[in-house]
Protein backbone atom coordinates (compact mmCIF):
# COMPACT_ATOMS: atom_id res chain seq x y z
CA MET A 1 -33.58 17.67 18.72
CA ALA A 2 -35.65 16.14 15.95
CA ALA A 3 -36.41 12.44 16.06
CA HIS A 4 -35.19 10.35 13.14
CA SER A 5 -37.18 7.63 11.50
CA GLY A 6 -36.29 4.02 12.12
CA SER A 7 -35.24 3.65 8.50
CA VAL A 8 -32.46 6.25 8.90
CA TYR A 9 -31.23 4.46 12.03
CA LYS A 10 -31.18 1.13 10.17
CA ILE A 11 -29.25 2.64 7.26
CA VAL A 12 -26.61 4.12 9.57
CA ARG A 13 -26.25 0.83 11.50
CA GLU A 14 -25.93 -1.15 8.28
CA GLY A 15 -23.26 1.29 7.11
CA MET A 16 -21.38 0.67 10.35
CA ARG A 17 -21.59 -3.09 9.77
CA GLU A 18 -20.15 -2.63 6.29
CA VAL A 19 -17.24 -0.58 7.67
CA VAL A 20 -16.21 -3.59 9.76
CA ASP A 21 -17.10 -6.29 7.22
CA GLY A 22 -14.87 -4.97 4.47
CA GLY A 23 -14.44 -1.24 4.77
CA THR A 24 -11.86 0.87 6.55
CA GLY A 25 -12.61 -0.79 9.92
CA TRP A 26 -11.92 -4.37 8.83
CA ARG A 27 -8.99 -4.59 11.23
CA ALA A 28 -11.42 -4.28 14.16
CA LYS A 29 -13.35 -7.36 13.03
CA VAL A 30 -13.53 -10.28 15.44
CA TRP A 31 -13.71 -13.74 13.86
CA ARG A 32 -17.25 -15.18 14.03
CA ILE A 33 -18.64 -12.14 15.89
CA SER A 34 -20.42 -9.45 13.91
CA GLY A 35 -19.84 -5.81 14.71
CA GLY A 36 -20.28 -2.27 13.56
CA GLY A 37 -17.97 0.69 13.63
CA LYS A 38 -16.68 3.92 12.16
CA THR A 39 -13.10 4.97 11.49
CA GLY A 40 -11.86 8.49 11.23
CA THR A 41 -8.85 10.69 10.78
CA ALA A 42 -9.01 14.08 12.49
CA GLN A 43 -6.80 16.78 11.02
CA ASN A 44 -4.32 18.30 13.43
CA PRO A 45 -2.88 21.73 12.58
CA HIS A 46 0.06 21.08 14.95
CA GLY A 47 1.30 17.80 13.51
CA LYS A 48 0.23 14.40 12.29
CA SER A 49 -3.52 13.66 12.11
CA HIS A 50 -5.29 11.88 14.98
CA ALA A 51 -6.63 8.37 14.34
CA TRP A 52 -9.90 7.15 15.81
CA TYR A 53 -12.29 4.22 15.75
CA MET A 54 -15.66 3.79 17.46
CA GLY A 55 -17.54 0.52 17.36
CA PHE A 56 -19.71 -2.07 19.04
CA ALA A 57 -20.31 -5.82 19.03
CA PRO A 58 -22.09 -8.11 18.52
CA PHE A 59 -24.04 -6.29 15.86
CA GLU A 60 -27.39 -7.95 16.59
CA GLU A 61 -27.35 -7.43 20.36
CA PRO A 62 -24.44 -5.18 21.36
CA GLU A 63 -22.83 -5.87 24.70
CA ILE A 64 -19.70 -3.77 24.31
CA ALA A 65 -18.89 -0.40 22.77
CA ILE A 66 -15.38 0.89 22.23
CA CYS A 67 -13.68 4.12 21.27
CA VAL A 68 -9.99 4.34 20.44
CA LEU A 69 -8.31 7.69 19.84
CA VAL A 70 -4.60 7.80 19.00
CA GLU A 71 -3.17 11.31 19.06
CA ASN A 72 -0.91 11.94 16.07
CA GLY A 73 -1.65 8.37 15.00
CA GLY A 74 -2.52 9.00 11.36
CA SER A 75 -5.16 6.75 9.84
CA GLY A 76 -8.15 5.53 11.85
CA GLY A 77 -8.43 2.34 9.82
CA GLY A 78 -4.72 1.64 9.91
CA VAL A 79 -3.93 2.57 13.52
CA ALA A 80 -7.02 2.84 15.75
CA ALA A 81 -9.09 -0.03 14.30
CA PRO A 82 -6.42 -2.71 14.94
CA ILE A 83 -6.15 -1.57 18.56
CA ALA A 84 -9.92 -1.80 18.94
CA GLY A 85 -9.86 -5.24 17.33
CA ALA A 86 -7.25 -6.47 19.82
CA PHE A 87 -9.35 -5.22 22.76
CA LEU A 88 -12.54 -6.72 21.33
CA ARG A 89 -10.87 -10.11 20.74
CA LYS A 90 -9.57 -10.12 24.31
CA TYR A 91 -13.00 -9.14 25.68
CA PHE A 92 -14.80 -11.93 23.81
CA TYR A 93 -12.03 -14.41 24.65
CA LEU A 94 -12.50 -13.72 28.35
CA LYS A 95 -16.27 -14.17 27.86
CA GLY A 96 -15.65 -17.57 26.21
CA LYS A 97 -17.07 -16.37 22.87
CA TYR A 98 -13.84 -16.16 20.87
CA ASP A 99 -10.98 -18.64 20.42
CA TYR A 100 -7.57 -17.39 19.23
CA ARG A 101 -6.39 -20.92 18.37
CA ALA A 102 -9.48 -21.77 16.34
CA GLU A 103 -9.09 -18.57 14.32
CA ARG A 104 -5.42 -19.30 13.62
CA LYS A 105 -6.30 -22.82 12.44
CA TRP A 106 -9.06 -21.49 10.21
CA ARG A 107 -6.76 -18.80 8.73
CA ALA A 108 -4.05 -21.40 8.07
CA MET A 109 -6.57 -23.64 6.31
CA ILE A 110 -7.76 -20.72 4.13
CA ALA A 111 -4.15 -19.76 3.31
CA LYS A 112 -3.36 -23.34 2.28
CA ARG A 113 -6.49 -23.52 0.13
CA ASP A 114 -5.60 -20.22 -1.57
CA SER A 115 -2.02 -21.38 -2.13
CA LEU A 116 -3.21 -24.63 -3.73
CA ARG A 117 -5.67 -22.72 -5.89
CA LYS A 118 -2.92 -20.34 -7.12
CA ALA A 119 -0.62 -23.28 -7.85
CA ALA A 120 -3.36 -25.00 -9.85
CA GLU A 121 -4.00 -21.80 -11.81
CA ALA A 122 -0.28 -21.42 -12.53
CA ASP A 123 -0.08 -25.04 -13.74
CA SER A 124 -3.02 -24.61 -16.07
CA ALA A 125 -1.51 -21.38 -17.44
CA SER A 126 1.83 -23.13 -18.07
CA PHE A 127 0.25 -26.06 -19.87
CA PRO A 128 -2.75 -24.77 -21.76
CA VAL A 129 -5.01 -27.43 -23.12
CA GLU A 130 -6.81 -26.68 -26.32
CA VAL A 131 -10.20 -28.25 -26.64
CA PRO A 132 -11.46 -28.57 -30.20
CA LEU A 133 -14.88 -27.12 -30.75
CA ASP A 134 -17.45 -29.25 -32.54
CA GLU A 135 -18.82 -27.43 -35.53
């Protein structure tokens, strides 16, 4: 087996981080803990595709790796990644590194902020103010 350069390894790892940070594996993300992963959908000639997710966390110094395979599950990102995320949250909760309540509070705060922002945008669209331009 040929050895790969460190740059290839870094590129693959960074790709795995991006999968979790906003790609198909976003449902495996654990609040305030970085991770990396890969989702997949394996074709099944006998029925629905199999869903899978493989990942690790924290990204910088991994202490846990996980693989979830759901036979006939469909999409890896839609089915396997959320299962992995639930296991990872529980693991880090038991280690004292993740707090369900703190995440819920943070998400509620963000939702309120977004709601206020949308309301402000709707108000400004309903009552446009024309500003004369100095010539």
